[in-house]
Amino acid sequence: MGDGKIRVLGIAGSPRRRGNTETLLDRFLAGAKSVGAEVEKVVVARLRIAGCRACDGCWEDGRCVVQDDFQQLCEQIVDADVVALAAPLYFWNLPAQVKAAIDRSQCQWARKFIVKIPLRPTLSGRPRRRGVFISAGGEAEPYFDGAVRTVKGFFGVYEADYWGELLVGGVDAKGDVLRNPHVLEEAFDLGTRAATWDDTTIGK
């Protein structure tokens, strides 16, 4: 059994720093922190993560053979109780930088289904994680469908339930979301709820 402390990992998946999705992620993390969670943010654009080679090397031991920053990100995801991925829409899906990390997570699938090694609990001792997807784009909500399917698969290999989402249409230029205080408040509230757990689930 772990220490019981809620850990929230925010993954900023946009190649553009301090844009709309990262702003929403910051509000989400502030909400989580306000209820006592330990929060951490990772900016994918700062990481060195190559694409999947489709070499099937992970079928041997469930580990990716490509050595770069993905290994650290993978450990951070496994440690966390709540994983919030924030990324804009690029051609109705996710930016290449964060998609590379998702593709590399094939090693987690191989670990579970080929090598038959179960994923360890979070550092707090919880057996499953909560996944939250935050996205923004210039079009209305139906355009998020492709990205949502991708993110659900990503969360699934880390045994994270697709627990919540904040999908904001009608924003495109950097800073657009700052003109919508209701959405910023919604992101903060989502963070507080995501980081609030019934502690009877610890270790079960």
C-alpha atoms as a PDB file:
ATOM      1  CA  MET A   1       0.000   0.000   0.000  1.00  0.00           C
ATOM      2  CA  GLY A   2       1.255   3.468  -0.876  1.00  0.00           C
ATOM      3  CA  ASP A   3       1.293   6.716   1.043  1.00  0.00           C
ATOM      4  CA  GLY A   4      -2.231   7.762   0.055  1.00  0.00           C
ATOM      5  CA  LYS A   5      -1.230  11.211  -1.234  1.00  0.00           C
ATOM      6  CA  ILE A   6      -2.937  12.213  -4.460  1.00  0.00           C
ATOM      7  CA  ARG A   7      -0.478  12.932  -7.276  1.00  0.00           C
ATOM      8  CA  VAL A   8      -1.622  14.771 -10.377  1.00  0.00           C
ATOM      9  CA  LEU A   9       0.489  14.847 -13.529  1.00  0.00           C
ATOM     10  CA  GLY A  10      -0.262  17.458 -16.166  1.00  0.00           C
ATOM     11  CA  ILE A  11       1.134  16.827 -19.642  1.00  0.00           C
ATOM     12  CA  ALA A  12       1.328  19.954 -21.798  1.00  0.00           C
ATOM     13  CA  GLY A  13       1.262  18.507 -25.296  1.00  0.00           C
ATOM     14  CA  SER A  14       1.362  21.595 -27.492  1.00  0.00           C
ATOM     15  CA  PRO A  15       4.536  22.644 -29.327  1.00  0.00           C
ATOM     16  CA  ARG A  16       3.521  26.249 -28.573  1.00  0.00           C
ATOM     17  CA  ARG A  17       4.328  27.362 -25.034  1.00  0.00           C
ATOM     18  CA  ARG A  18       1.732  29.094 -22.865  1.00  0.00           C
ATOM     19  CA  GLY A  19      -1.018  28.699 -25.433  1.00  0.00           C
ATOM     20  CA  ASN A  20      -4.679  27.954 -24.827  1.00  0.00           C
ATOM     21  CA  THR A  21      -4.397  24.320 -23.775  1.00  0.00           C
ATOM     22  CA  GLU A  22      -1.446  24.933 -21.459  1.00  0.00           C
ATOM     23  CA  THR A  23      -3.362  27.817 -19.879  1.00  0.00           C
ATOM     24  CA  LEU A  24      -6.309  25.503 -19.234  1.00  0.00           C
ATOM     25  CA  LEU A  25      -3.955  22.854 -17.871  1.00  0.00           C
ATOM     26  CA  ASP A  26      -2.437  25.361 -15.452  1.00  0.00           C
ATOM     27  CA  ARG A  27      -5.913  26.199 -14.148  1.00  0.00           C
ATOM     28  CA  PHE A  28      -6.691  22.489 -13.810  1.00  0.00           C
ATOM     29  CA  LEU A  29      -3.509  21.911 -11.812  1.00  0.00           C
ATOM     30  CA  ALA A  30      -4.252  24.936  -9.635  1.00  0.00           C
ATOM     31  CA  GLY A  31      -7.620  23.408  -8.828  1.00  0.00           C
ATOM     32  CA  ALA A  32      -6.036  20.084  -7.931  1.00  0.00           C
ATOM     33  CA  LYS A  33      -3.454  21.800  -5.740  1.00  0.00           C
ATOM     34  CA  SER A  34      -6.178  23.746  -3.935  1.00  0.00           C
ATOM     35  CA  VAL A  35      -7.552  20.494  -2.485  1.00  0.00           C
ATOM     36  CA  GLY A  36      -4.145  19.267  -1.336  1.00  0.00           C
ATOM     37  CA  ALA A  37      -2.923  17.246  -4.304  1.00  0.00           C
ATOM     38  CA  GLU A  38       0.740  17.097  -5.254  1.00  0.00           C
ATOM     39  CA  VAL A  39       0.946  18.446  -8.804  1.00  0.00           C
ATOM     40  CA  GLU A  40       3.589  18.252 -11.509  1.00  0.00           C
ATOM     41  CA  LYS A  41       3.639  19.555 -15.080  1.00  0.00           C
ATOM     42  CA  VAL A  42       5.617  18.100 -17.959  1.00  0.00           C
ATOM     43  CA  VAL A  43       6.060  20.089 -21.175  1.00  0.00           C
ATOM     44  CA  VAL A  44       6.437  17.630 -24.024  1.00  0.00           C
ATOM     45  CA  ALA A  45       8.026  20.248 -26.302  1.00  0.00           C
ATOM     46  CA  ARG A  46      11.014  20.321 -23.929  1.00  0.00           C
ATOM     47  CA  LEU A  47      11.518  16.569 -24.109  1.00  0.00           C
ATOM     48  CA  ARG A  48      13.456  14.471 -26.579  1.00  0.00           C
ATOM     49  CA  ILE A  49      11.053  11.723 -27.625  1.00  0.00           C
ATOM     50  CA  ALA A  50      11.558   9.895 -30.908  1.00  0.00           C
ATOM     51  CA  GLY A  51       8.803   8.114 -32.770  1.00  0.00           C
ATOM     52  CA  CYS A  52       8.051   4.420 -32.463  1.00  0.00           C
ATOM     53  CA  ARG A  53      10.254   2.280 -34.744  1.00  0.00           C
ATOM     54  CA  ALA A  54       7.793  -0.641 -34.863  1.00  0.00           C
ATOM     55  CA  CYS A  55      10.751  -2.892 -34.024  1.00  0.00           C
ATOM     56  CA  ASP A  56       8.736  -4.983 -31.519  1.00  0.00           C
ATOM     57  CA  GLY A  57      11.672  -4.869 -29.118  1.00  0.00           C
ATOM     58  CA  CYS A  58       9.208  -4.217 -26.297  1.00  0.00           C
ATOM     59  CA  TRP A  59       7.727  -7.670 -26.876  1.00  0.00           C
ATOM     60  CA  GLU A  60      10.768  -9.125 -25.114  1.00  0.00           C
ATOM     61  CA  ASP A  61      10.407  -7.467 -21.706  1.00  0.00           C
ATOM     62  CA  GLY A  62       7.763  -4.761 -22.024  1.00  0.00           C
ATOM     63  CA  ARG A  63      10.336  -1.968 -22.244  1.00  0.00           C
ATOM     64  CA  CYS A  64      10.991   0.374 -25.149  1.00  0.00           C
ATOM     65  CA  VAL A  65      14.472  -0.128 -26.583  1.00  0.00           C
ATOM     66  CA  VAL A  66      14.780   3.509 -27.700  1.00  0.00           C
ATOM     67  CA  GLN A  67      16.550   5.445 -24.964  1.00  0.00           C
ATOM     68  CA  ASP A  68      15.414   9.039 -24.603  1.00  0.00           C
ATOM     69  CA  ASP A  69      13.101  11.113 -22.395  1.00  0.00           C
ATOM     70  CA  PHE A  70      10.140   8.791 -22.910  1.00  0.00           C
ATOM     71  CA  GLN A  71      11.259   6.457 -20.135  1.00  0.00           C
ATOM     72  CA  GLN A  72      11.040   9.225 -17.535  1.00  0.00           C
ATOM     73  CA  LEU A  73       7.645  10.372 -18.788  1.00  0.00           C
ATOM     74  CA  CYS A  74       6.398   6.800 -18.658  1.00  0.00           C
ATOM     75  CA  GLU A  75       7.438   6.477 -15.006  1.00  0.00           C
ATOM     76  CA  GLN A  76       5.769   9.771 -14.146  1.00  0.00           C
ATOM     77  CA  ILE A  77       2.511   8.574 -15.679  1.00  0.00           C
ATOM     78  CA  VAL A  78       2.619   5.292 -13.773  1.00  0.00           C
ATOM     79  CA  ASP A  79       3.356   7.111 -10.498  1.00  0.00           C
ATOM     80  CA  ALA A  80       0.392   9.471 -10.862  1.00  0.00           C
ATOM     81  CA  ASP A  81      -3.186   9.020  -9.671  1.00  0.00           C
ATOM     82  CA  VAL A  82      -4.519  11.585 -12.135  1.00  0.00           C
ATOM     83  CA  VAL A  83      -3.064  12.131 -15.607  1.00  0.00           C
ATOM     84  CA  ALA A  84      -4.267  15.244 -17.425  1.00  0.00           C
ATOM     85  CA  LEU A  85      -3.250  15.499 -21.070  1.00  0.00           C
ATOM     86  CA  ALA A  86      -3.684  18.949 -22.601  1.00  0.00           C
ATOM     87  CA  ALA A  87      -3.143  19.359 -26.330  1.00  0.00           C
ATOM     88  CA  PRO A  88      -4.693  21.340 -29.182  1.00  0.00           C
ATOM     89  CA  LEU A  89      -6.272  19.882 -32.287  1.00  0.00           C
ATOM     90  CA  TYR A  90      -3.962  19.455 -35.265  1.00  0.00           C
ATOM     91  CA  PHE A  91      -5.887  18.126 -38.273  1.00  0.00           C
ATOM     92  CA  TRP A  92      -8.582  16.688 -35.993  1.00  0.00           C
ATOM     93  CA  ASN A  93      -6.066  14.870 -33.811  1.00  0.00           C
ATOM     94  CA  LEU A  94      -3.000  15.530 -31.647  1.00  0.00           C
ATOM     95  CA  PRO A  95       0.288  17.333 -32.373  1.00  0.00           C
ATOM     96  CA  ALA A  96       3.196  15.176 -33.511  1.00  0.00           C
ATOM     97  CA  GLN A  97       5.251  15.850 -30.385  1.00  0.00           C
ATOM     98  CA  VAL A  98       2.755  14.304 -27.978  1.00  0.00           C
ATOM     99  CA  LYS A  99       1.615  11.681 -30.497  1.00  0.00           C
ATOM    100  CA  ALA A 100       5.161  10.289 -30.480  1.00  0.00           C
ATOM    101  CA  ALA A 101       4.871   9.666 -26.731  1.00  0.00           C
ATOM    102  CA  ILE A 102       1.503   7.999 -27.242  1.00  0.00           C
ATOM    103  CA  ASP A 103       2.858   5.738 -29.989  1.00  0.00           C
ATOM    104  CA  ARG A 104       5.821   4.775 -27.828  1.00  0.00           C
ATOM    105  CA  SER A 105       3.373   3.676 -25.127  1.00  0.00           C
ATOM    106  CA  GLN A 106       2.891   0.541 -27.198  1.00  0.00           C
ATOM    107  CA  CYS A 107       5.488  -0.888 -24.817  1.00  0.00           C
ATOM    108  CA  GLN A 108       2.907  -0.707 -22.025  1.00  0.00           C
ATOM    109  CA  TRP A 109       0.482  -2.711 -24.139  1.00  0.00           C
ATOM    110  CA  ALA A 110       3.195  -5.296 -24.833  1.00  0.00           C
ATOM    111  CA  ARG A 111       4.116  -5.401 -21.162  1.00  0.00           C
ATOM    112  CA  LYS A 112       0.541  -6.217 -20.181  1.00  0.00           C
ATOM    113  CA  PHE A 113      -0.640  -8.482 -22.988  1.00  0.00           C
ATOM    114  CA  ILE A 114       2.519 -10.067 -24.431  1.00  0.00           C
ATOM    115  CA  VAL A 115       4.970 -10.257 -21.534  1.00  0.00           C
ATOM    116  CA  LYS A 116       2.128 -10.569 -18.977  1.00  0.00           C
ATOM    117  CA  ILE A 117       3.615  -8.152 -16.445  1.00  0.00           C
ATOM    118  CA  PRO A 118       0.891  -6.212 -14.597  1.00  0.00           C
ATOM    119  CA  LEU A 119       1.189  -2.467 -14.216  1.00  0.00           C
ATOM    120  CA  ARG A 120       2.134  -1.531 -10.678  1.00  0.00           C
ATOM    121  CA  PRO A 121      -0.172   0.653  -8.573  1.00  0.00           C
ATOM    122  CA  THR A 122       0.343   4.390  -8.299  1.00  0.00           C
ATOM    123  CA  LEU A 123       2.695   5.722  -5.627  1.00  0.00           C
ATOM    124  CA  SER A 124      -0.356   6.368  -3.446  1.00  0.00           C
ATOM    125  CA  GLY A 125      -1.373   2.716  -3.705  1.00  0.00           C
ATOM    126  CA  ARG A 126      -4.362   3.104  -6.019  1.00  0.00           C
ATOM    127  CA  PRO A 127      -4.740   0.356  -8.621  1.00  0.00           C
ATOM    128  CA  ARG A 128      -6.177   2.572 -11.370  1.00  0.00           C
ATOM    129  CA  ARG A 129      -5.692   6.121 -12.518  1.00  0.00           C
ATOM    130  CA  ARG A 130      -7.973   8.899 -13.654  1.00  0.00           C
ATOM    131  CA  GLY A 131      -7.405  10.328 -17.103  1.00  0.00           C
ATOM    132  CA  VAL A 132      -8.502  13.821 -18.092  1.00  0.00           C
ATOM    133  CA  PHE A 133      -8.278  15.252 -21.604  1.00  0.00           C
ATOM    134  CA  ILE A 134      -8.114  19.005 -22.147  1.00  0.00           C
ATOM    135  CA  SER A 135      -8.185  20.357 -25.679  1.00  0.00           C
ATOM    136  CA  ALA A 136      -9.017  23.473 -27.642  1.00  0.00           C
ATOM    137  CA  GLY A 137      -9.452  24.205 -31.298  1.00  0.00           C
ATOM    138  CA  GLY A 138     -10.938  26.558 -33.811  1.00  0.00           C
ATOM    139  CA  GLU A 139     -13.962  24.436 -34.582  1.00  0.00           C
ATOM    140  CA  ALA A 140     -16.911  23.025 -32.673  1.00  0.00           C
ATOM    141  CA  GLU A 141     -16.907  19.915 -30.515  1.00  0.00           C
ATOM    142  CA  PRO A 142     -17.490  17.133 -33.148  1.00  0.00           C
ATOM    143  CA  TYR A 143     -14.020  17.842 -34.507  1.00  0.00           C
ATOM    144  CA  PHE A 144     -12.529  16.509 -31.262  1.00  0.00           C
ATOM    145  CA  ASP A 145     -13.747  12.941 -31.885  1.00  0.00           C
ATOM    146  CA  GLY A 146     -10.517  11.634 -33.437  1.00  0.00           C
ATOM    147  CA  ALA A 147      -8.351  13.055 -30.663  1.00  0.00           C
ATOM    148  CA  VAL A 148     -10.669  11.678 -27.980  1.00  0.00           C
ATOM    149  CA  ARG A 149     -10.375   8.154 -29.392  1.00  0.00           C
ATOM    150  CA  THR A 150      -6.588   8.420 -29.436  1.00  0.00           C
ATOM    151  CA  VAL A 151      -6.433   9.716 -25.869  1.00  0.00           C
ATOM    152  CA  LYS A 152      -8.774   6.992 -24.608  1.00  0.00           C
ATOM    153  CA  GLY A 153      -6.406   4.388 -26.025  1.00  0.00           C
ATOM    154  CA  PHE A 154      -3.417   6.156 -24.477  1.00  0.00           C
ATOM    155  CA  PHE A 155      -5.038   6.278 -21.051  1.00  0.00           C
ATOM    156  CA  GLY A 156      -6.151   2.676 -21.362  1.00  0.00           C
ATOM    157  CA  VAL A 157      -2.658   1.186 -21.606  1.00  0.00           C
ATOM    158  CA  TYR A 158      -1.746   2.969 -18.370  1.00  0.00           C
ATOM    159  CA  GLU A 159      -4.907   1.660 -16.692  1.00  0.00           C
ATOM    160  CA  ALA A 160      -6.371   5.138 -16.449  1.00  0.00           C
ATOM    161  CA  ASP A 161     -10.114   5.531 -16.831  1.00  0.00           C
ATOM    162  CA  TYR A 162     -11.248   8.270 -19.202  1.00  0.00           C
ATOM    163  CA  TRP A 163     -12.629  10.187 -16.252  1.00  0.00           C
ATOM    164  CA  GLY A 164     -13.199  13.683 -17.590  1.00  0.00           C
ATOM    165  CA  GLU A 165     -12.687  16.110 -20.432  1.00  0.00           C
ATOM    166  CA  LEU A 166     -12.726  19.796 -21.238  1.00  0.00           C
ATOM    167  CA  LEU A 167     -13.060  20.387 -24.986  1.00  0.00           C
ATOM    168  CA  VAL A 168     -13.203  24.031 -25.995  1.00  0.00           C
ATOM    169  CA  GLY A 169     -14.148  25.060 -29.509  1.00  0.00           C
ATOM    170  CA  GLY A 170     -13.934  28.516 -30.986  1.00  0.00           C
ATOM    171  CA  VAL A 171     -10.401  29.276 -29.797  1.00  0.00           C
ATOM    172  CA  ASP A 172      -7.465  29.364 -32.154  1.00  0.00           C
ATOM    173  CA  ALA A 173      -5.188  32.361 -31.623  1.00  0.00           C
ATOM    174  CA  LYS A 174      -2.844  32.330 -28.652  1.00  0.00           C
ATOM    175  CA  GLY A 175      -4.586  33.808 -25.626  1.00  0.00           C
ATOM    176  CA  ASP A 176      -8.144  33.357 -26.914  1.00  0.00           C
ATOM    177  CA  VAL A 177      -9.096  31.266 -23.895  1.00  0.00           C
ATOM    178  CA  LEU A 178      -8.174  34.102 -21.516  1.00  0.00           C
ATOM    179  CA  ARG A 179     -11.223  35.969 -22.777  1.00  0.00           C
ATOM    180  CA  ASN A 180     -13.489  33.218 -21.490  1.00  0.00           C
ATOM    181  CA  PRO A 181     -13.465  33.297 -17.668  1.00  0.00           C
ATOM    182  CA  HIS A 182     -16.203  30.655 -17.520  1.00  0.00           C
ATOM    183  CA  VAL A 183     -13.957  28.105 -19.235  1.00  0.00           C
ATOM    184  CA  LEU A 184     -11.032  28.981 -16.956  1.00  0.00           C
ATOM    185  CA  GLU A 185     -13.285  28.437 -13.956  1.00  0.00           C
ATOM    186  CA  GLU A 186     -14.474  25.153 -15.435  1.00  0.00           C
ATOM    187  CA  ALA A 187     -10.863  23.966 -15.764  1.00  0.00           C
ATOM    188  CA  PHE A 188     -10.143  24.863 -12.130  1.00  0.00           C
ATOM    189  CA  ASP A 189     -13.279  23.050 -10.946  1.00  0.00           C
ATOM    190  CA  LEU A 190     -12.402  19.983 -13.012  1.00  0.00           C
ATOM    191  CA  GLY A 191      -9.026  19.880 -11.278  1.00  0.00           C
ATOM    192  CA  THR A 192     -10.569  20.007  -7.817  1.00  0.00           C
ATOM    193  CA  ARG A 193     -12.962  17.179  -8.634  1.00  0.00           C
ATOM    194  CA  ALA A 194     -10.348  15.010 -10.337  1.00  0.00           C
ATOM    195  CA  ALA A 195      -8.061  15.236  -7.299  1.00  0.00           C
ATOM    196  CA  THR A 196     -10.799  14.405  -4.798  1.00  0.00           C
ATOM    197  CA  TRP A 197     -10.944  10.686  -4.079  1.00  0.00           C
ATOM    198  CA  ASP A 198     -12.760   8.389  -1.717  1.00  0.00           C
ATOM    199  CA  ASP A 199      -9.776   7.039   0.227  1.00  0.00           C
ATOM    200  CA  THR A 200     -11.471   3.661   0.683  1.00  0.00           C
ATOM    201  CA  THR A 201     -10.195   2.886  -2.825  1.00  0.00           C
ATOM    202  CA  ILE A 202      -6.547   2.983  -1.722  1.00  0.00           C
ATOM    203  CA  GLY A 203      -4.880  -0.386  -2.111  1.00  0.00           C
ATOM    204  CA  LYS A 204      -7.956  -2.029  -3.663  1.00  0.00           C
END
